[in-house]
Amino acid sequence: MHVGIVGGGIVGLCSAYYLHKAGHQVTLFDQAPIADGCSFGNAGMIVPSHIIPLAQPGMMAKGMRWMLKSTSPFYVKPRLNLELMRWGWLFYRHSTTEHVERSIPVLRDLSLLSKTLYQDLAANGDLAFEWQERGLLMLYKTASAEHEMAEEADLANRSGIEARVLNGRQVQDLEPDTRVDVRGGIWYPGDAHINPGELIRSLVTYLRQVGVQILETQTVTGFGKTNAHVASVQTAQGDFPVDAIVVAGGAWSPAIAEQLGINLSMQGGKGYSFMLRNVANNVRVPAIMLEARATATPMGQDLRFAGTLEVAGTDMTINMNRVRGIVQSINQYYPEIPVEMPVVDKVWRGLRPCSPDGLPYIGRTDRFDNVILATGHGMMGLSLGPATGKLVSEAVADQVASMDIAAFSPDRF
């Protein structure tokens, strides 16, 4: 089959990889250069530990408190927008214990599938992306965070994800090269990390070498449709006949889906990152600084810091107050790593596609007989990319899926 993929982020690229492996002809469309996508500058964490969806009890109240501070890790840009209000209502309805309990097994299975596929990719020689399995540290400085993380660690262990509760000295034992000032942390030894920029570059190079057509800076303007079948992808440069369509446009997926008459509830969650180069005494284990909601990921001799979730539609402007919040938090945890406020042109930003229930959209839609959606992964796109790509290739061929994807139905709202 000839499959058209709309979107060149990690999910679109992984879908192209597995579709090509399955023998399909693939054309991938992206409105911008691939290197500008959300996956390129993110934290690089592969996190089977993240089994709790963003929509969970207490998140609405916590978000309201954070919104009152300009440097806080979470912000919703106030605006009169019906889709934002619908998204917020759906988020509120799914912030329940029952939703969390239903979501944990499917998020766990999706993450574990993706990690296995990453291990295969690291071993088979097709791609190069600095695969490292050193786990993940969830660092905290307060008793309240310690209590919250102990509960999450217990939940993870009961769900089959190993989690170890560490005191401050035990955290420091994992970081012999730099001082860590924390009360304690949770170590998830099964997590991993990569260099996302290297992965994207490697995927693009490989796909082009094997004949996948990648059309950058080509905005999709519509689709040629006959009843419940999409026959072509329309761009300003012409029409491209296809046998199937994969919508993997990240935060722009709702606009793409609207051209198909599909109402996809999603908001872009903006995040920022910047890099410290040639760090003398670098971090060894990637970490999430809990109270600050910021991350630190070693990438060779460099160290990437990332953070914030700014719900602002598809606004790509940089809010330096959000970046300042990341910078101010770092030395509270790593006092020996000197960090200065980066200049604006050294700050990367990207939009995470956030569904209202914290679960991705993966699978066929009932509206068409040949349209598959693969989007809405929130902050987990890089981590879940290979699994999503594999499931997309199975859906295109109507094969039995590697796992049950009913919970990810694009038609669930």
Protein backbone atom coordinates (compact mmCIF):
# COMPACT_ATOMS: atom_id res chain seq x y z
CA MET A 1 0.00 0.00 0.00
CA HIS A 2 0.96 3.65 -0.42
CA VAL A 3 0.60 5.29 3.00
CA GLY A 4 0.63 9.05 3.51
CA ILE A 5 1.77 10.27 6.94
CA VAL A 6 0.93 13.83 7.94
CA GLY A 7 3.46 14.94 10.55
CA GLY A 8 7.22 14.49 10.83
CA GLY A 9 7.75 14.29 14.60
CA ILE A 10 8.94 11.16 16.35
CA VAL A 11 5.55 9.44 15.99
CA GLY A 12 5.33 10.16 12.26
CA LEU A 13 8.92 9.07 11.67
CA CYS A 14 8.53 5.87 13.70
CA SER A 15 5.31 5.11 11.82
CA ALA A 16 7.22 5.55 8.55
CA TYR A 17 9.99 3.25 9.81
CA TYR A 18 7.68 0.37 10.74
CA LEU A 19 5.43 0.83 7.71
CA HIS A 20 8.46 0.61 5.43
CA LYS A 21 9.68 -2.48 7.31
CA ALA A 22 6.27 -4.02 6.64
CA GLY A 23 6.72 -3.46 2.90
CA HIS A 24 4.60 -0.34 2.31
CA GLN A 25 5.43 2.67 0.18
CA VAL A 26 5.47 5.76 2.40
CA THR A 27 5.25 9.50 1.79
CA LEU A 28 5.62 11.77 4.82
CA PHE A 29 4.43 15.40 4.83
CA ASP A 30 5.45 18.09 7.32
CA GLN A 31 4.63 21.79 7.32
CA ALA A 32 8.08 22.73 8.67
CA PRO A 33 11.66 21.43 8.60
CA ILE A 34 11.81 18.17 10.57
CA ALA A 35 14.47 19.59 12.91
CA ASP A 36 11.96 22.19 14.19
CA GLY A 37 9.62 19.52 15.59
CA CYS A 38 8.66 18.92 19.20
CA SER A 39 10.74 15.76 19.54
CA PHE A 40 14.07 17.32 18.55
CA GLY A 41 14.89 19.26 21.71
CA ASN A 42 13.03 17.40 24.43
CA ALA A 43 14.39 15.77 27.57
CA GLY A 44 15.22 12.47 25.87
CA MET A 45 13.75 10.24 28.57
CA ILE A 46 12.33 6.76 27.91
CA VAL A 47 10.06 6.29 30.89
CA PRO A 48 8.10 3.08 31.55
CA SER A 49 7.83 4.54 35.06
CA HIS A 50 5.28 7.10 33.82
CA ILE A 51 2.13 5.04 34.16
CA ILE A 52 -0.13 7.68 35.74
CA PRO A 53 -1.98 9.91 33.22
CA LEU A 54 -1.85 13.69 33.45
CA ALA A 55 -5.59 13.69 34.22
CA GLN A 56 -5.57 12.56 37.85
CA PRO A 57 -7.13 13.57 41.19
CA GLY A 58 -5.83 16.87 42.53
CA MET A 59 -4.24 18.04 39.28
CA MET A 60 -6.83 20.74 38.63
CA ALA A 61 -6.32 22.30 42.08
CA LYS A 62 -2.54 22.09 41.77
CA GLY A 63 -2.68 23.70 38.36
CA MET A 64 -4.80 26.57 39.66
CA ARG A 65 -2.20 27.29 42.37
CA TRP A 66 0.66 27.21 39.86
CA MET A 67 -1.15 29.62 37.53
CA LEU A 68 -0.79 32.40 40.12
CA LYS A 69 3.02 32.47 39.77
CA SER A 70 4.74 33.67 36.59
CA THR A 71 7.68 31.26 36.93
CA SER A 72 5.56 28.23 37.83
CA PRO A 73 5.84 24.93 35.90
CA PHE A 74 2.23 24.97 34.68
CA TYR A 75 0.21 27.69 33.00
CA VAL A 76 -2.97 27.94 30.95
CA LYS A 77 -3.09 31.06 28.79
CA PRO A 78 -6.52 32.62 29.42
CA ARG A 79 -8.50 32.99 26.21
CA LEU A 80 -12.09 32.70 25.02
CA ASN A 81 -11.92 29.47 23.10
CA LEU A 82 -14.66 26.85 22.94
CA GLU A 83 -12.25 23.98 22.27
CA LEU A 84 -10.11 24.97 25.28
CA MET A 85 -13.25 24.98 27.45
CA ARG A 86 -14.30 21.57 26.09
CA TRP A 87 -10.80 20.22 26.71
CA GLY A 88 -10.82 21.59 30.27
CA TRP A 89 -14.23 20.03 30.97
CA LEU A 90 -13.09 16.64 29.67
CA PHE A 91 -9.86 16.90 31.69
CA TYR A 92 -11.91 17.62 34.82
CA ARG A 93 -14.24 14.68 34.18
CA HIS A 94 -11.30 12.29 33.80
CA SER A 95 -9.34 13.48 36.85
CA THR A 96 -10.63 10.56 38.92
CA THR A 97 -9.19 7.56 40.72
CA GLU A 98 -11.19 5.25 38.47
CA HIS A 99 -9.65 6.75 35.34
CA VAL A 100 -6.15 6.41 36.77
CA GLU A 101 -6.77 2.75 37.65
CA ARG A 102 -8.04 2.01 34.12
CA SER A 103 -5.15 3.88 32.50
CA ILE A 104 -2.21 2.38 34.39
CA PRO A 105 -2.20 -1.08 32.71
CA VAL A 106 -2.47 0.29 29.16
CA LEU A 107 0.15 3.02 29.68
CA ARG A 108 2.45 0.45 31.26
CA ASP A 109 2.04 -2.00 28.40
CA LEU A 110 2.54 0.72 25.78
CA SER A 111 5.68 1.98 27.51
CA LEU A 112 7.19 -1.46 27.97
CA LEU A 113 6.51 -2.31 24.32
CA SER A 114 8.23 0.92 23.30
CA LYS A 115 11.27 0.26 25.49
CA THR A 116 11.66 -3.23 23.99
CA LEU A 117 11.50 -1.74 20.50
CA TYR A 118 14.09 0.90 21.44
CA GLN A 119 16.38 -1.89 22.63
CA ASP A 120 15.88 -3.64 19.29
CA LEU A 121 16.61 -0.41 17.40
CA ALA A 122 19.77 0.17 19.42
CA ALA A 123 20.96 -3.36 18.57
CA ASN A 124 19.99 -3.78 14.90
CA GLY A 125 22.28 -1.11 13.48
CA ASP A 126 19.66 0.87 11.51
CA LEU A 127 19.84 3.92 13.78
CA ALA A 128 22.23 5.66 16.20
CA PHE A 129 20.87 7.61 19.16
CA GLU A 130 23.13 7.11 22.23
CA TRP A 131 20.93 4.58 24.04
CA GLN A 132 21.65 4.53 27.80
CA GLU A 133 19.92 2.43 30.47
CA ARG A 134 20.76 4.19 33.74
CA GLY A 135 17.23 4.60 35.05
CA LEU A 136 15.50 7.76 36.21
CA LEU A 137 15.64 9.64 39.52
CA MET A 138 12.60 11.47 40.86
CA LEU A 139 14.24 13.95 43.26
CA TYR A 140 12.44 15.73 46.09
CA LYS A 141 13.32 18.19 48.85
CA THR A 142 10.16 18.24 50.98
CA ALA A 143 8.32 15.82 53.23
CA SER A 144 5.09 16.26 51.28
CA ALA A 145 6.78 15.29 48.01
CA GLU A 146 8.43 12.36 49.76
CA HIS A 147 5.04 11.08 50.89
CA GLU A 148 3.52 11.54 47.42
CA MET A 149 6.44 9.80 45.70
CA ALA A 150 6.43 6.90 48.16
CA GLU A 151 2.80 6.25 47.22
CA GLU A 152 3.67 6.39 43.51
CA ALA A 153 6.60 4.02 44.04
CA ASP A 154 4.34 1.54 45.82
CA LEU A 155 1.81 1.81 42.98
CA ALA A 156 4.55 1.26 40.39
CA ASN A 157 5.90 -1.82 42.16
CA ARG A 158 2.40 -3.28 42.44
CA SER A 159 1.95 -2.63 38.71
CA GLY A 160 5.14 -4.44 37.73
CA ILE A 161 7.45 -1.41 37.36
CA GLU A 162 10.44 -1.56 39.71
CA ALA A 163 10.82 1.51 41.95
CA ARG A 164 13.31 1.98 44.79
CA VAL A 165 12.90 4.58 47.55
CA LEU A 166 16.26 6.23 48.31
CA ASN A 167 17.40 8.62 51.03
CA GLY A 168 19.67 11.55 50.26
CA ARG A 169 22.87 9.57 50.79
CA GLN A 170 21.72 6.79 48.48
CA VAL A 171 20.84 9.34 45.80
CA GLN A 172 24.32 10.80 46.14
CA ASP A 173 25.84 7.33 45.71
CA LEU A 174 24.32 7.24 42.22
CA GLU A 175 25.88 10.62 41.42
CA PRO A 176 29.59 10.44 42.37
CA ASP A 177 30.66 13.36 40.14
CA THR A 178 28.46 16.19 41.43
CA ARG A 179 26.67 17.07 44.66
CA VAL A 180 22.92 16.48 44.89
CA ASP A 181 21.06 18.43 47.60
CA VAL A 182 17.82 16.51 48.21
CA ARG A 183 15.83 14.87 50.96
CA GLY A 184 15.61 11.71 48.84
CA GLY A 185 14.36 10.28 45.60
CA ILE A 186 12.73 7.40 43.79
CA TRP A 187 14.97 5.48 41.40
CA TYR A 188 13.33 3.69 38.49
CA PRO A 189 16.15 1.43 37.23
CA GLY A 190 14.13 0.28 34.20
CA ASP A 191 14.00 3.72 32.57
CA ALA A 192 16.47 4.90 29.94
CA HIS A 193 17.50 7.95 27.93
CA ILE A 194 18.69 8.89 24.46
CA ASN A 195 19.85 11.90 22.48
CA PRO A 196 16.61 12.90 20.71
CA GLY A 197 18.32 15.12 18.14
CA GLU A 198 20.54 12.23 17.07
CA LEU A 199 17.52 9.92 16.85
CA ILE A 200 15.58 12.31 14.60
CA ARG A 201 18.59 12.89 12.33
CA SER A 202 19.30 9.17 12.17
CA LEU A 203 15.69 8.30 11.36
CA VAL A 204 15.46 10.89 8.58
CA THR A 205 18.74 9.71 7.04
CA TYR A 206 17.74 6.06 7.20
CA LEU A 207 14.23 6.61 5.82
CA ARG A 208 15.51 8.60 2.87
CA GLN A 209 18.12 5.95 2.12
CA VAL A 210 15.48 3.20 1.95
CA GLY A 211 13.18 5.20 -0.32
CA VAL A 212 10.67 6.87 2.02
CA GLN A 213 9.66 10.20 0.50
CA ILE A 214 9.95 12.98 3.10
CA LEU A 215 8.38 16.26 1.98
CA GLU A 216 9.35 19.05 4.40
CA THR A 217 7.80 22.53 4.39
CA GLN A 218 4.74 21.16 2.61
CA THR A 219 1.53 22.11 4.37
CA VAL A 220 -1.39 19.75 3.84
CA THR A 221 -4.30 21.88 2.62
CA GLY A 222 -6.94 19.15 2.37
CA PHE A 223 -7.79 15.62 1.37
CA GLY A 224 -9.43 14.09 -1.66
CA LYS A 225 -12.34 12.07 -0.25
CA THR A 226 -14.94 9.73 -1.69
CA ASN A 227 -17.59 8.89 0.90
CA ALA A 228 -15.71 7.16 3.73
CA HIS A 229 -12.43 6.81 1.84
CA VAL A 230 -9.49 9.21 1.54
CA ALA A 231 -7.93 8.94 -1.90
CA SER A 232 -5.31 11.71 -1.85
CA VAL A 233 -3.39 14.24 0.21
CA GLN A 234 -3.65 17.78 -1.14
CA THR A 235 -0.83 20.35 -0.82
CA ALA A 236 0.06 23.61 -2.56
CA GLN A 237 2.57 21.61 -4.59
CA GLY A 238 -0.05 19.18 -5.85
CA ASP A 239 -2.15 16.13 -4.97
CA PHE A 240 -0.61 12.82 -3.85
CA PRO A 241 -2.69 9.62 -4.28
CA VAL A 242 -2.67 7.34 -1.22
CA ASP A 243 -4.23 4.08 -0.06
CA ALA A 244 -4.21 5.03 3.64
CA ILE A 245 -3.58 8.09 5.82
CA VAL A 246 -1.86 8.43 9.20
CA VAL A 247 -2.53 11.68 11.10
CA ALA A 248 0.54 12.25 13.28
CA GLY A 249 0.68 16.03 13.36
CA GLY A 250 1.37 16.51 17.06
CA ALA A 251 -0.23 19.66 18.44
CA TRP A 252 -1.46 20.55 14.93
CA SER A 253 -3.40 17.28 14.62
CA PRO A 254 -6.79 18.88 15.46
CA ALA A 255 -6.45 21.22 12.47
CA ILE A 256 -5.52 18.29 10.22
CA ALA A 257 -8.36 16.17 11.61
CA GLU A 258 -10.81 19.06 11.08
CA GLN A 259 -10.08 18.85 7.33
CA LEU A 260 -11.42 15.31 7.58
CA GLY A 261 -14.49 16.37 9.58
CA ILE A 262 -13.09 14.88 12.80
CA ASN A 263 -13.31 16.86 16.06
CA LEU A 264 -10.15 15.91 17.96
CA SER A 265 -9.91 17.35 21.48
CA MET A 266 -6.32 18.40 22.14
CA GLN A 267 -4.26 21.32 23.41
CA GLY A 268 -0.62 22.15 22.76
CA GLY A 269 1.44 22.07 25.95
CA LYS A 270 4.53 24.22 25.40
CA GLY A 271 7.80 23.12 26.94
CA TYR A 272 11.27 24.66 26.93
CA SER A 273 14.80 23.30 27.04
CA PHE A 274 18.38 24.52 26.89
CA MET A 275 21.77 22.87 26.95
CA LEU A 276 24.89 23.27 29.07
CA ARG A 277 27.93 22.32 27.00
CA ASN A 278 30.98 20.40 28.22
CA VAL A 279 29.93 20.03 31.85
CA ALA A 280 33.04 19.12 33.86
CA ASN A 281 31.28 17.13 36.61
CA ASN A 282 28.16 15.96 34.87
CA VAL A 283 25.02 14.26 36.08
CA ARG A 284 25.01 10.51 35.37
CA VAL A 285 21.35 9.56 35.94
CA PRO A 286 18.54 11.57 34.28
CA ALA A 287 16.36 13.24 36.89
CA ILE A 288 13.05 14.98 37.37
CA MET A 289 13.22 17.67 40.05
CA LEU A 290 9.80 17.17 41.59
CA GLU A 291 8.97 20.47 43.23
CA ALA A 292 10.33 22.41 40.24
CA ARG A 293 8.82 20.05 37.63
CA ALA A 294 12.06 20.41 35.66
CA THR A 295 14.33 17.74 34.21
CA ALA A 296 18.07 17.16 33.80
CA THR A 297 19.38 14.71 31.19
CA PRO A 298 23.05 13.99 30.44
CA MET A 299 23.83 13.78 26.72
CA GLY A 300 27.49 12.90 26.29
CA GLN A 301 29.51 15.71 27.86
CA ASP A 302 26.50 18.03 27.75
CA LEU A 303 23.52 18.42 30.07
CA ARG A 304 20.02 19.30 28.92
CA PHE A 305 17.52 21.01 31.21
CA ALA A 306 13.85 21.08 30.30
CA GLY A 307 10.51 21.84 31.85
CA THR A 308 7.16 23.64 32.07
CA LEU A 309 3.77 22.86 30.58
CA GLU A 310 2.23 26.01 29.11
CA VAL A 311 -1.19 25.38 27.55
CA ALA A 312 -1.37 28.09 24.92
CA GLY A 313 -2.81 26.53 21.77
CA THR A 314 -0.21 26.50 18.98
CA ASP A 315 1.50 29.71 20.15
CA MET A 316 5.25 29.16 19.64
CA THR A 317 6.54 32.36 21.26
CA ILE A 318 9.07 31.97 24.08
CA ASN A 319 8.02 33.12 27.56
CA MET A 320 11.34 33.77 29.32
CA ASN A 321 9.61 33.84 32.73
CA ARG A 322 8.95 30.11 32.27
CA VAL A 323 12.60 29.55 31.38
CA ARG A 324 13.64 31.57 34.44
CA GLY A 325 11.62 29.19 36.60
CA ILE A 326 13.67 26.26 35.29
CA VAL A 327 16.98 28.08 35.82
CA GLN A 328 16.12 29.14 39.37
CA SER A 329 15.28 25.58 40.35
CA ILE A 330 18.43 23.83 39.14
CA ASN A 331 20.91 24.95 41.80
CA GLN A 332 18.49 23.98 44.55
CA TYR A 333 19.14 20.37 43.50
CA TYR A 334 22.62 20.52 41.88
CA PRO A 335 24.44 23.30 43.76
CA GLU A 336 27.82 22.64 42.09
CA ILE A 337 26.59 22.96 38.49
CA PRO A 338 26.77 26.65 37.49
CA VAL A 339 23.72 27.67 35.46
CA GLU A 340 23.03 31.11 34.04
CA MET A 341 19.92 32.40 32.34
CA PRO A 342 20.26 31.48 28.64
CA VAL A 343 19.76 34.06 25.92
CA VAL A 344 16.50 33.67 24.07
CA ASP A 345 18.02 32.29 20.86
CA LYS A 346 19.59 29.42 22.82
CA VAL A 347 16.21 28.33 24.21
CA TRP A 348 14.37 25.57 22.38
CA ARG A 349 10.60 25.25 22.63
CA GLY A 350 8.14 22.68 21.40
CA LEU A 351 4.45 21.85 21.71
CA ARG A 352 3.37 18.57 23.32
CA PRO A 353 0.01 17.34 22.01
CA CYS A 354 -2.08 16.89 25.16
CA SER A 355 -5.31 14.92 25.09
CA PRO A 356 -7.84 15.72 27.84
CA ASP A 357 -7.57 12.30 29.54
CA GLY A 358 -3.79 11.92 29.32
CA LEU A 359 -3.96 8.96 26.90
CA PRO A 360 -2.80 9.10 23.28
CA TYR A 361 -5.00 8.67 20.23
CA ILE A 362 -3.86 5.54 18.40
CA GLY A 363 -5.91 3.60 15.87
CA ARG A 364 -8.61 3.82 13.24
CA THR A 365 -11.48 6.26 13.28
CA ASP A 366 -14.98 5.09 12.37
CA ARG A 367 -15.41 8.09 10.07
CA PHE A 368 -13.20 6.59 7.32
CA ASP A 369 -12.10 3.14 6.20
CA ASN A 370 -8.43 4.10 5.74
CA VAL A 371 -7.57 6.82 8.28
CA ILE A 372 -5.45 6.08 11.37
CA LEU A 373 -4.62 8.60 14.09
CA ALA A 374 -1.35 8.59 16.04
CA THR A 375 -1.11 11.66 18.24
CA GLY A 376 -1.95 13.12 21.66
CA HIS A 377 1.01 11.63 23.57
CA GLY A 378 1.56 14.72 25.73
CA MET A 379 5.06 14.70 27.23
CA MET A 380 5.51 11.02 26.31
CA GLY A 381 5.85 11.25 22.53
CA LEU A 382 9.52 10.37 22.38
CA SER A 383 9.13 7.59 24.93
CA LEU A 384 6.15 6.04 23.13
CA GLY A 385 7.19 6.71 19.53
CA PRO A 386 8.39 3.21 18.49
CA ALA A 387 5.41 1.44 20.07
CA THR A 388 3.01 3.83 18.36
CA GLY A 389 4.75 3.37 15.02
CA LYS A 390 4.55 -0.41 15.36
CA LEU A 391 0.84 -0.26 16.27
CA VAL A 392 0.18 2.03 13.30
CA SER A 393 1.81 -0.42 10.89
CA GLU A 394 -0.34 -3.21 12.34
CA ALA A 395 -3.50 -1.10 12.03
CA VAL A 396 -2.78 -0.27 8.39
CA ALA A 397 -2.50 -3.98 7.58
CA ASP A 398 -5.47 -4.94 9.79
CA GLN A 399 -3.16 -7.24 11.76
CA VAL A 400 -3.69 -8.31 15.36
CA ALA A 401 -2.18 -5.50 17.46
CA SER A 402 0.81 -6.06 19.72
CA MET A 403 -1.44 -4.91 22.60
CA ASP A 404 -5.04 -3.92 23.23
CA ILE A 405 -5.45 -0.31 21.99
CA ALA A 406 -9.18 0.15 22.67
CA ALA A 407 -8.42 2.73 25.39
CA PHE A 408 -6.63 4.88 22.80
CA SER A 409 -9.56 5.07 20.35
CA PRO A 410 -9.68 8.42 18.49
CA ASP A 411 -13.49 8.27 18.73
CA ARG A 412 -13.69 7.95 22.53
CA PHE A 413 -15.01 11.46 23.24
